[in-house]
Each structure stands twice: as structure tokens, then as C-alpha cells.
C-alpha atoms as a PDB file:
ATOM      1  CA  MET A   1      43.874  46.032 -87.333  1.00  0.00           C
ATOM      2  CA  VAL A   2      42.522  49.303 -85.993  1.00  0.00           C
ATOM      3  CA  LYS A   3      41.053  51.768 -88.442  1.00  0.00           C
ATOM      4  CA  LYS A   4      40.973  55.486 -87.683  1.00  0.00           C
ATOM      5  CA  VAL A   5      38.212  57.721 -89.010  1.00  0.00           C
ATOM      6  CA  SER A   6      37.184  61.310 -88.444  1.00  0.00           C
ATOM      7  CA  ALA A   7      33.819  62.130 -86.914  1.00  0.00           C
ATOM      8  CA  ALA A   8      32.717  63.498 -90.302  1.00  0.00           C
ATOM      9  CA  GLN A   9      33.837  60.311 -92.051  1.00  0.00           C
ATOM     10  CA  LEU A  10      31.952  58.287 -89.433  1.00  0.00           C
ATOM     11  CA  ARG A  11      28.695  60.042 -90.340  1.00  0.00           C
ATOM     12  CA  LYS A  12      29.189  59.170 -93.987  1.00  0.00           C
ATOM     13  CA  GLU A  13      30.351  55.567 -93.481  1.00  0.00           C
ATOM     14  CA  LEU A  14      28.553  54.443 -90.322  1.00  0.00           C
ATOM     15  CA  SER A  15      26.658  51.589 -91.940  1.00  0.00           C
ATOM     16  CA  SER A  16      29.771  50.202 -93.620  1.00  0.00           C
ATOM     17  CA  LEU A  17      31.865  50.579 -90.470  1.00  0.00           C
ATOM     18  CA  LEU A  18      29.250  48.763 -88.388  1.00  0.00           C
ATOM     19  CA  VAL A  19      29.386  45.830 -90.791  1.00  0.00           C
ATOM     20  CA  GLN A  20      33.192  45.762 -90.603  1.00  0.00           C
ATOM     21  CA  VAL A  21      33.103  45.819 -86.790  1.00  0.00           C
ATOM     22  CA  ALA A  22      30.329  43.233 -86.411  1.00  0.00           C
ATOM     23  CA  ALA A  23      31.368  40.822 -89.144  1.00  0.00           C
ATOM     24  CA  ASN A  24      35.149  41.127 -89.159  1.00  0.00           C
ATOM     25  CA  GLY A  25      35.950  42.085 -85.595  1.00  0.00           C
ATOM     26  CA  ARG A  26      37.552  45.320 -86.780  1.00  0.00           C
ATOM     27  CA  GLN A  27      38.049  48.108 -84.275  1.00  0.00           C
ATOM     28  CA  VAL A  28      37.494  51.721 -85.296  1.00  0.00           C
ATOM     29  CA  ILE A  29      38.920  54.751 -83.523  1.00  0.00           C
ATOM     30  CA  ILE A  30      36.848  57.876 -84.051  1.00  0.00           C
ATOM     31  CA  GLU A  31      38.884  61.066 -84.047  1.00  0.00           C
ATOM     32  CA  LYS A  32      37.913  64.699 -83.852  1.00  0.00           C
ATOM     33  CA  ARG A  33      40.522  67.137 -85.089  1.00  0.00           C
ATOM     34  CA  GLY A  34      43.072  64.316 -85.063  1.00  0.00           C
ATOM     35  CA  LYS A  35      42.507  63.371 -81.407  1.00  0.00           C
ATOM     36  CA  PRO A  36      40.939  60.026 -80.395  1.00  0.00           C
ATOM     37  CA  LEU A  37      37.410  60.577 -79.146  1.00  0.00           C
ATOM     38  CA  ALA A  38      35.686  57.190 -79.036  1.00  0.00           C
ATOM     39  CA  ALA A  39      35.812  53.687 -80.478  1.00  0.00           C
ATOM     40  CA  LEU A  40      33.587  51.226 -82.257  1.00  0.00           C
ATOM     41  CA  VAL A  41      34.195  47.662 -81.123  1.00  0.00           C
ATOM     42  CA  GLY A  42      32.253  44.462 -81.496  1.00  0.00           C
ATOM     43  CA  VAL A  43      29.963  43.219 -78.758  1.00  0.00           C
ATOM     44  CA  ASP A  44      32.319  40.310 -78.014  1.00  0.00           C
ATOM     45  CA  ALA A  45      35.227  42.675 -77.448  1.00  0.00           C
ATOM     46  CA  LEU A  46      33.091  44.901 -75.220  1.00  0.00           C
ATOM     47  CA  GLU A  47      31.907  41.939 -73.143  1.00  0.00           C
ATOM     48  CA  LEU A  48      35.498  40.772 -72.728  1.00  0.00           C
ATOM     49  CA  LEU A  49      36.558  44.246 -71.618  1.00  0.00           C
ATOM     50  CA  ASN A  50      33.695  44.446 -69.122  1.00  0.00           C
ATOM     51  CA  GLN A  51      34.484  40.971 -67.819  1.00  0.00           C
ATOM     52  CA  ARG A  52      38.122  41.912 -67.232  1.00  0.00           C
ATOM     53  CA  GLN A  53      37.071  45.027 -65.341  1.00  0.00           C
ATOM     54  CA  THR A  54      34.665  43.176 -63.055  1.00  0.00           C
ATOM     55  CA  THR A  55      36.991  40.256 -62.338  1.00  0.00           C
ATOM     56  CA  SER A  56      40.013  42.396 -61.599  1.00  0.00           C
ATOM     57  CA  ALA A  57      38.811  44.133 -58.440  1.00  0.00           C
ATOM     58  CA  ASP A  58      42.335  43.976 -57.071  1.00  0.00           C
ATOM     59  CA  PRO A  59      44.660  46.532 -58.652  1.00  0.00           C
ATOM     60  CA  GLN A  60      47.560  45.124 -60.629  1.00  0.00           C
ATOM     61  CA  GLY A  61      51.147  46.292 -61.078  1.00  0.00           C
ATOM     62  CA  ALA A  62      51.936  49.885 -60.207  1.00  0.00           C
ATOM     63  CA  LEU A  63      48.298  50.550 -59.347  1.00  0.00           C
ATOM     64  CA  ALA A  64      48.499  47.922 -56.625  1.00  0.00           C
ATOM     65  CA  LEU A  65      51.570  49.601 -55.208  1.00  0.00           C
ATOM     66  CA  ALA A  66      49.945  53.032 -55.279  1.00  0.00           C
ATOM     67  CA  GLY A  67      46.812  51.657 -53.633  1.00  0.00           C
ATOM     68  CA  ALA A  68      48.840  49.918 -50.966  1.00  0.00           C
ATOM     69  CA  TRP A  69      50.210  53.236 -49.709  1.00  0.00           C
ATOM     70  CA  GLY A  70      46.698  54.422 -48.896  1.00  0.00           C
ATOM     71  CA  GLU A  71      46.079  51.396 -46.667  1.00  0.00           C
ATOM     72  CA  LEU A  72      49.243  51.760 -44.586  1.00  0.00           C
ATOM     73  CA  LYS A  73      49.089  53.426 -41.207  1.00  0.00           C
ATOM     74  CA  GLU A  74      51.661  56.125 -40.552  1.00  0.00           C
ATOM     75  CA  ARG A  75      53.874  53.897 -38.355  1.00  0.00           C
ATOM     76  CA  GLU A  76      53.731  51.087 -40.899  1.00  0.00           C
ATOM     77  CA  MET A  77      54.734  53.521 -43.638  1.00  0.00           C
ATOM     78  CA  ASP A  78      57.644  54.752 -41.516  1.00  0.00           C
ATOM     79  CA  ALA A  79      58.809  51.142 -41.135  1.00  0.00           C
ATOM     80  CA  VAL A  80      58.512  50.470 -44.874  1.00  0.00           C
ATOM     81  CA  LEU A  81      60.412  53.646 -45.710  1.00  0.00           C
ATOM     82  CA  ALA A  82      63.097  52.792 -43.162  1.00  0.00           C
ATOM     83  CA  ASP A  83      63.514  49.371 -44.799  1.00  0.00           C
ATOM     84  CA  VAL A  84      63.783  50.930 -48.250  1.00  0.00           C
ATOM     85  CA  ASN A  85      66.234  53.506 -46.951  1.00  0.00           C
ATOM     86  CA  ALA A  86      68.375  50.797 -45.365  1.00  0.00           C
ATOM     87  CA  GLU A  87      68.358  48.735 -48.574  1.00  0.00           C
ATOM     88  CA  ARG A  88      69.469  51.729 -50.619  1.00  0.00           C
ATOM     89  CA  GLY A  89      72.351  52.651 -48.365  1.00  0.00           C
ATOM     90  CA  GLY A  90      70.804  54.924 -45.781  1.00  0.00           C
ATOM     91  CA  ALA A  91      72.676  58.191 -46.013  1.00  0.00           C
ATOM     92  CA  ALA A  92      72.419  58.476 -49.785  1.00  0.00           C
ATOM     93  CA  CYS A  93      68.622  58.504 -49.570  1.00  0.00           C
ATOM     94  CA  ARG A  94      68.510  61.001 -46.716  1.00  0.00           C
ATOM     95  CA  GLU A  95      70.738  63.378 -48.676  1.00  0.00           C
ATOM     96  CA  GLY A  96      68.566  63.132 -51.782  1.00  0.00           C
ATOM     97  CA  LYS A  97      71.129  61.076 -53.714  1.00  0.00           C
ATOM     98  CA  GLY A  98      69.173  57.799 -53.823  1.00  0.00           C
END
């Protein structure tokens, strides 16, 4: 479970929170004026996060699609858009209805 604390509360309870994070795997969100600012996580969780970032050099999901547009040459993009337009019914897309 994630615990939320204010920056002021963090100053008062840092030692206790560190024990909770290190020993129990608890995650702590630090907020300032009610907005998330930072997080305390255990070393294992941080290593896992870093490992995921380094092993996932290829974008996934929507990011992959967005990145793919940047690699297309203009003629290739025209062909892709023509295919999409044809699949959606042609005229409806050209008229802004698709």
C-alpha cells in the first residue's frame, strides 16, 4: 500500500518512514501542498524500475506508434494514410467525418 505524506510530515517522520520502506517494502508519496512531488521506494523497487527502463529500449503501445511516424518517409506516410483512408471508407475521412 502507498502512503502519502506532506513534506513537513516527512521531515518529522523520516527515520520511521525509511524503516517502513526498507523493511516492509512500503512506498511513500511525498506531497507539497497536496500535489505529488517525489517518492520513497525501496532499493529493490528502484533497481527493478531501472532494469525495466534499460531493457525496454523499444517503445511499447501508443509510444511505439507515435515513434513510428517519425521514421516514415513522406511517401511512405502517404501510402499508410491512403490505406487507412481506404479502410475507413474513403470519402468520409476526406470530409472530416471519419
